[in-house]
């Protein structure tokens, strides 16, 4: 998924169900200069999403005790 976020940033958002963000990212990546910020944005967003899921799992485990 990280490679998709680097090479196809808009697809990364689209696969995660963020359609509006994918459209904005696609507009940004159409320009060659905009590709780098779009790829960085997609990778950071992917990492944040993974961290949020991990934190939710830890909170649920803590509350279960």
PDB file of N, CA and C in Angstrom:
ATOM      1  N   UNK A   1       0.834  -1.194   0.000  1.00  0.00           N
ATOM      2  CA  UNK A   1       0.000   0.000   0.000  1.00  0.00           C
ATOM      3  C   UNK A   1       0.876   1.255   0.000  1.00  0.00           C
ATOM      4  N   UNK A   2       2.028   1.174   0.635  1.00  0.00           N
ATOM      5  CA  UNK A   2       2.921   2.334   0.662  1.00  0.00           C
ATOM      6  C   UNK A   2       3.456   2.632  -0.739  1.00  0.00           C
ATOM      7  N   UNK A   3       3.770   1.597  -1.508  1.00  0.00           N
ATOM      8  CA  UNK A   3       4.243   1.826  -2.878  1.00  0.00           C
ATOM      9  C   UNK A   3       3.149   2.451  -3.745  1.00  0.00           C
ATOM     10  N   UNK A   4       1.920   2.037  -3.534  1.00  0.00           N
ATOM     11  CA  UNK A   4       0.809   2.654  -4.261  1.00  0.00           C
ATOM     12  C   UNK A   4       0.702   4.123  -3.879  1.00  0.00           C
ATOM     13  N   UNK A   5       0.886   4.420  -2.592  1.00  0.00           N
ATOM     14  CA  UNK A   5       0.813   5.814  -2.132  1.00  0.00           C
ATOM     15  C   UNK A   5       1.918   6.664  -2.747  1.00  0.00           C
ATOM     16  N   UNK A   6       3.069   6.065  -3.018  1.00  0.00           N
ATOM     17  CA  UNK A   6       4.179   6.830  -3.608  1.00  0.00           C
ATOM     18  C   UNK A   6       3.975   7.018  -5.103  1.00  0.00           C
ATOM     19  N   UNK A   7       3.648   5.934  -5.814  1.00  0.00           N
ATOM     20  CA  UNK A   7       3.568   6.009  -7.269  1.00  0.00           C
ATOM     21  C   UNK A   7       2.210   6.456  -7.801  1.00  0.00           C
ATOM     22  N   UNK A   8       1.140   6.148  -7.073  1.00  0.00           N
ATOM     23  CA  UNK A   8      -0.216   6.528  -7.467  1.00  0.00           C
ATOM     24  C   UNK A   8      -0.946   7.095  -6.258  1.00  0.00           C
ATOM     25  N   UNK A   9      -0.605   8.323  -5.853  1.00  0.00           N
ATOM     26  CA  UNK A   9      -1.171   8.874  -4.620  1.00  0.00           C
ATOM     27  C   UNK A   9      -2.695   8.925  -4.595  1.00  0.00           C
ATOM     28  N   UNK A  10      -3.305   9.276  -5.691  1.00  0.00           N
ATOM     29  CA  UNK A  10      -4.766   9.388  -5.685  1.00  0.00           C
ATOM     30  C   UNK A  10      -5.437   8.022  -5.519  1.00  0.00           C
ATOM     31  N   UNK A  11      -4.830   6.964  -6.051  1.00  0.00           N
ATOM     32  CA  UNK A  11      -5.388   5.622  -5.877  1.00  0.00           C
ATOM     33  C   UNK A  11      -5.326   5.179  -4.420  1.00  0.00           C
ATOM     34  N   UNK A  12      -4.296   5.622  -3.723  1.00  0.00           N
ATOM     35  CA  UNK A  12      -4.177   5.281  -2.309  1.00  0.00           C
ATOM     36  C   UNK A  12      -5.373   5.807  -1.525  1.00  0.00           C
ATOM     37  N   UNK A  13      -5.756   7.059  -1.801  1.00  0.00           N
ATOM     38  CA  UNK A  13      -6.924   7.627  -1.130  1.00  0.00           C
ATOM     39  C   UNK A  13      -8.205   6.937  -1.588  1.00  0.00           C
ATOM     40  N   UNK A  14      -8.280   6.628  -2.861  1.00  0.00           N
ATOM     41  CA  UNK A  14      -9.477   5.992  -3.411  1.00  0.00           C
ATOM     42  C   UNK A  14      -9.687   4.592  -2.821  1.00  0.00           C
ATOM     43  N   UNK A  15      -8.622   3.821  -2.663  1.00  0.00           N
ATOM     44  CA  UNK A  15      -8.729   2.485  -2.073  1.00  0.00           C
ATOM     45  C   UNK A  15      -9.180   2.534  -0.625  1.00  0.00           C
ATOM     46  N   UNK A  16      -8.881   3.639   0.070  1.00  0.00           N
ATOM     47  CA  UNK A  16      -9.292   3.776   1.466  1.00  0.00           C
ATOM     48  C   UNK A  16     -10.652   4.436   1.608  1.00  0.00           C
ATOM     49  N   UNK A  17     -11.322   4.714   0.501  1.00  0.00           N
ATOM     50  CA  UNK A  17     -12.685   5.231   0.536  1.00  0.00           C
ATOM     51  C   UNK A  17     -12.788   6.737   0.672  1.00  0.00           C
ATOM     52  N   UNK A  18     -11.721   7.463   0.452  1.00  0.00           N
ATOM     53  CA  UNK A  18     -11.741   8.919   0.550  1.00  0.00           C
ATOM     54  C   UNK A  18     -11.802   9.494  -0.865  1.00  0.00           C
ATOM     55  N   UNK A  19     -13.005   9.535  -1.412  1.00  0.00           N
ATOM     56  CA  UNK A  19     -13.192   9.896  -2.816  1.00  0.00           C
ATOM     57  C   UNK A  19     -12.873  11.365  -3.072  1.00  0.00           C
ATOM     58  N   UNK A  20     -13.394  12.250  -2.228  1.00  0.00           N
ATOM     59  CA  UNK A  20     -13.152  13.683  -2.429  1.00  0.00           C
ATOM     60  C   UNK A  20     -11.666  14.012  -2.314  1.00  0.00           C
ATOM     61  N   UNK A  21     -10.990  13.414  -1.350  1.00  0.00           N
ATOM     62  CA  UNK A  21      -9.551  13.630  -1.182  1.00  0.00           C
ATOM     63  C   UNK A  21      -8.789  13.068  -2.372  1.00  0.00           C
ATOM     64  N   UNK A  22      -9.233  11.953  -2.924  1.00  0.00           N
ATOM     65  CA  UNK A  22      -8.588  11.364  -4.097  1.00  0.00           C
ATOM     66  C   UNK A  22      -8.690  12.288  -5.303  1.00  0.00           C
ATOM     67  N   UNK A  23      -9.816  12.953  -5.451  1.00  0.00           N
ATOM     68  CA  UNK A  23      -9.987  13.886  -6.574  1.00  0.00           C
ATOM     69  C   UNK A  23      -9.048  15.084  -6.416  1.00  0.00           C
ATOM     70  N   UNK A  24      -8.964  15.616  -5.212  1.00  0.00           N
ATOM     71  CA  UNK A  24      -8.050  16.748  -4.966  1.00  0.00           C
ATOM     72  C   UNK A  24      -6.604  16.324  -5.209  1.00  0.00           C
ATOM     73  N   UNK A  25      -6.250  15.127  -4.756  1.00  0.00           N
ATOM     74  CA  UNK A  25      -4.893  14.623  -4.950  1.00  0.00           C
ATOM     75  C   UNK A  25      -4.601  14.394  -6.427  1.00  0.00           C
ATOM     76  N   UNK A  26      -5.580  13.911  -7.171  1.00  0.00           N
ATOM     77  CA  UNK A  26      -5.399  13.699  -8.612  1.00  0.00           C
ATOM     78  C   UNK A  26      -5.142  15.023  -9.321  1.00  0.00           C
ATOM     79  N   UNK A  27      -5.875  16.057  -8.947  1.00  0.00           N
ATOM     80  CA  UNK A  27      -5.651  17.376  -9.536  1.00  0.00           C
ATOM     81  C   UNK A  27      -4.245  17.871  -9.218  1.00  0.00           C
ATOM     82  N   UNK A  28      -3.790  17.609  -7.997  1.00  0.00           N
ATOM     83  CA  UNK A  28      -2.449  18.024  -7.599  1.00  0.00           C
ATOM     84  C   UNK A  28      -1.380  17.239  -8.345  1.00  0.00           C
ATOM     85  N   UNK A  29      -1.584  15.950  -8.516  1.00  0.00           N
ATOM     86  CA  UNK A  29      -0.550  15.131  -9.137  1.00  0.00           C
ATOM     87  C   UNK A  29      -0.518  15.228 -10.657  1.00  0.00           C
ATOM     88  N   UNK A  30      -1.478  15.918 -11.254  1.00  0.00           N
ATOM     89  CA  UNK A  30      -1.468  16.092 -12.711  1.00  0.00           C
ATOM     90  C   UNK A  30      -0.222  16.870 -13.139  1.00  0.00           C
ATOM     91  N   UNK A  31       0.194  17.808 -12.321  1.00  0.00           N
ATOM     92  CA  UNK A  31       1.414  18.538 -12.629  1.00  0.00           C
ATOM     93  C   UNK A  31       2.598  17.743 -12.109  1.00  0.00           C
ATOM     94  N   UNK A  32       3.706  17.819 -12.807  1.00  0.00           N
ATOM     95  CA  UNK A  32       4.894  17.067 -12.404  1.00  0.00           C
ATOM     96  C   UNK A  32       5.430  17.576 -11.076  1.00  0.00           C
ATOM     97  N   UNK A  33       5.373  18.879 -10.849  1.00  0.00           N
ATOM     98  CA  UNK A  33       5.855  19.452  -9.597  1.00  0.00           C
ATOM     99  C   UNK A  33       4.932  19.052  -8.445  1.00  0.00           C
ATOM    100  N   UNK A  34       3.651  18.899  -8.705  1.00  0.00           N
ATOM    101  CA  UNK A  34       2.694  18.550  -7.676  1.00  0.00           C
ATOM    102  C   UNK A  34       2.727  17.081  -7.290  1.00  0.00           C
ATOM    103  N   UNK A  35       3.403  16.255  -8.083  1.00  0.00           N
ATOM    104  CA  UNK A  35       3.437  14.830  -7.799  1.00  0.00           C
ATOM    105  C   UNK A  35       4.144  14.529  -6.474  1.00  0.00           C
ATOM    106  N   UNK A  36       5.238  15.207  -6.221  1.00  0.00           N
ATOM    107  CA  UNK A  36       6.003  14.959  -4.992  1.00  0.00           C
ATOM    108  C   UNK A  36       5.189  15.316  -3.751  1.00  0.00           C
ATOM    109  N   UNK A  37       4.574  16.521  -3.676  1.00  0.00           N
ATOM    110  CA  UNK A  37       3.739  16.790  -2.498  1.00  0.00           C
ATOM    111  C   UNK A  37       2.550  15.841  -2.377  1.00  0.00           C
ATOM    112  N   UNK A  38       1.970  15.421  -3.501  1.00  0.00           N
ATOM    113  CA  UNK A  38       0.845  14.486  -3.453  1.00  0.00           C
ATOM    114  C   UNK A  38       1.295  13.138  -2.904  1.00  0.00           C
ATOM    115  N   UNK A  39       2.461  12.676  -3.307  1.00  0.00           N
ATOM    116  CA  UNK A  39       2.981  11.398  -2.810  1.00  0.00           C
ATOM    117  C   UNK A  39       3.293  11.485  -1.316  1.00  0.00           C
ATOM    118  N   UNK A  40       3.885  12.580  -0.883  1.00  0.00           N
ATOM    119  CA  UNK A  40       4.188  12.772   0.535  1.00  0.00           C
ATOM    120  C   UNK A  40       2.900  12.813   1.339  1.00  0.00           C
ATOM    121  N   UNK A  41       1.913  13.535   0.830  1.00  0.00           N
ATOM    122  CA  UNK A  41       0.618  13.643   1.497  1.00  0.00           C
ATOM    123  C   UNK A  41      -0.035  12.268   1.640  1.00  0.00           C
ATOM    124  N   UNK A  42       0.017  11.470   0.580  1.00  0.00           N
ATOM    125  CA  UNK A  42      -0.603  10.146   0.606  1.00  0.00           C
ATOM    126  C   UNK A  42       0.105   9.216   1.596  1.00  0.00           C
ATOM    127  N   UNK A  43       1.424   9.253   1.629  1.00  0.00           N
ATOM    128  CA  UNK A  43       2.170   8.384   2.543  1.00  0.00           C
ATOM    129  C   UNK A  43       1.915   8.782   3.993  1.00  0.00           C
ATOM    130  N   UNK A  44       1.941  10.077   4.279  1.00  0.00           N
ATOM    131  CA  UNK A  44       1.690  10.540   5.644  1.00  0.00           C
ATOM    132  C   UNK A  44       0.258  10.195   6.071  1.00  0.00           C
ATOM    133  N   UNK A  45      -0.685  10.375   5.177  1.00  0.00           N
ATOM    134  CA  UNK A  45      -2.074  10.040   5.484  1.00  0.00           C
ATOM    135  C   UNK A  45      -2.233   8.546   5.755  1.00  0.00           C
ATOM    136  N   UNK A  46      -1.551   7.726   4.983  1.00  0.00           N
ATOM    137  CA  UNK A  46      -1.604   6.284   5.179  1.00  0.00           C
ATOM    138  C   UNK A  46      -1.027   5.899   6.541  1.00  0.00           C
ATOM    139  N   UNK A  47       0.102   6.487   6.898  1.00  0.00           N
ATOM    140  CA  UNK A  47       0.722   6.195   8.189  1.00  0.00           C
ATOM    141  C   UNK A  47      -0.161   6.652   9.351  1.00  0.00           C
ATOM    142  N   UNK A  48      -0.790   7.816   9.199  1.00  0.00           N
ATOM    143  CA  UNK A  48      -1.699   8.307  10.241  1.00  0.00           C
ATOM    144  C   UNK A  48      -2.919   7.399  10.390  1.00  0.00           C
ATOM    145  N   UNK A  49      -3.417   6.903   9.285  1.00  0.00           N
ATOM    146  CA  UNK A  49      -4.561   5.999   9.322  1.00  0.00           C
ATOM    147  C   UNK A  49      -4.204   4.704  10.051  1.00  0.00           C
ATOM    148  N   UNK A  50      -3.029   4.185   9.765  1.00  0.00           N
ATOM    149  CA  UNK A  50      -2.585   2.961  10.444  1.00  0.00           C
ATOM    150  C   UNK A  50      -2.398   3.206  11.938  1.00  0.00           C
ATOM    151  N   UNK A  51      -1.857   4.363  12.297  1.00  0.00           N
ATOM    152  CA  UNK A  51      -1.655   4.689  13.712  1.00  0.00           C
ATOM    153  C   UNK A  51      -2.994   4.850  14.427  1.00  0.00           C
ATOM    154  N   UNK A  52      -3.974   5.442  13.765  1.00  0.00           N
ATOM    155  CA  UNK A  52      -5.300   5.596  14.372  1.00  0.00           C
ATOM    156  C   UNK A  52      -5.942   4.237  14.642  1.00  0.00           C
ATOM    157  N   UNK A  53      -5.831   3.324  13.691  1.00  0.00           N
ATOM    158  CA  UNK A  53      -6.393   1.984  13.883  1.00  0.00           C
ATOM    159  C   UNK A  53      -5.700   1.266  15.036  1.00  0.00           C
ATOM    160  N   UNK A  54      -4.376   1.413  15.118  1.00  0.00           N
ATOM    161  CA  UNK A  54      -3.620   0.786  16.192  1.00  0.00           C
ATOM    162  C   UNK A  54      -4.028   1.357  17.547  1.00  0.00           C
ATOM    163  N   UNK A  55      -4.199   2.675  17.618  1.00  0.00           N
ATOM    164  CA  UNK A  55      -4.605   3.318  18.870  1.00  0.00           C
ATOM    165  C   UNK A  55      -6.012   2.901  19.289  1.00  0.00           C
ATOM    166  N   UNK A  56      -6.926   2.786  18.342  1.00  0.00           N
ATOM    167  CA  UNK A  56      -8.284   2.338  18.664  1.00  0.00           C
ATOM    168  C   UNK A  56      -8.271   0.920  19.230  1.00  0.00           C
ATOM    169  N   UNK A  57      -7.430   0.064  18.658  1.00  0.00           N
ATOM    170  CA  UNK A  57      -7.329  -1.298  19.152  1.00  0.00           C
ATOM    171  C   UNK A  57      -6.776  -1.324  20.590  1.00  0.00           C
ATOM    172  N   UNK A  58      -5.783  -0.471  20.863  1.00  0.00           N
ATOM    173  CA  UNK A  58      -5.227  -0.398  22.214  1.00  0.00           C
ATOM    174  C   UNK A  58      -6.234   0.148  23.215  1.00  0.00           C
ATOM    175  N   UNK A  59      -7.017   1.130  22.820  1.00  0.00           N
ATOM    176  CA  UNK A  59      -8.033   1.693  23.710  1.00  0.00           C
ATOM    177  C   UNK A  59      -9.093   0.646  24.036  1.00  0.00           C
ATOM    178  N   UNK A  60      -9.535  -0.092  23.025  1.00  0.00           N
ATOM    179  CA  UNK A  60     -10.527  -1.151  23.260  1.00  0.00           C
ATOM    180  C   UNK A  60      -9.971  -2.228  24.183  1.00  0.00           C
ATOM    181  N   UNK A  61      -8.708  -2.573  24.019  1.00  0.00           N
ATOM    182  CA  UNK A  61      -8.104  -3.596  24.888  1.00  0.00           C
ATOM    183  C   UNK A  61      -7.980  -3.084  26.314  1.00  0.00           C
ATOM    184  N   UNK A  62      -7.681  -1.826  26.481  1.00  0.00           N
ATOM    185  CA  UNK A  62      -7.555  -1.239  27.807  1.00  0.00           C
ATOM    186  C   UNK A  62      -8.908  -1.165  28.511  1.00  0.00           C
ATOM    187  N   UNK A  63      -9.934  -0.818  27.791  1.00  0.00           N
ATOM    188  CA  UNK A  63     -11.279  -0.727  28.378  1.00  0.00           C
ATOM    189  C   UNK A  63     -11.850  -2.101  28.713  1.00  0.00           C
ATOM    190  N   UNK A  64     -11.407  -3.107  28.016  1.00  0.00           N
ATOM    191  CA  UNK A  64     -11.916  -4.463  28.255  1.00  0.00           C
ATOM    192  C   UNK A  64     -11.435  -5.023  29.585  1.00  0.00           C
ATOM    193  N   UNK A  65     -10.363  -4.500  30.107  1.00  0.00           N
ATOM    194  CA  UNK A  65      -9.832  -4.987  31.390  1.00  0.00           C
ATOM    195  C   UNK A  65     -10.640  -4.479  32.467  1.00  0.00           C
TER     196      UNK A  65
END
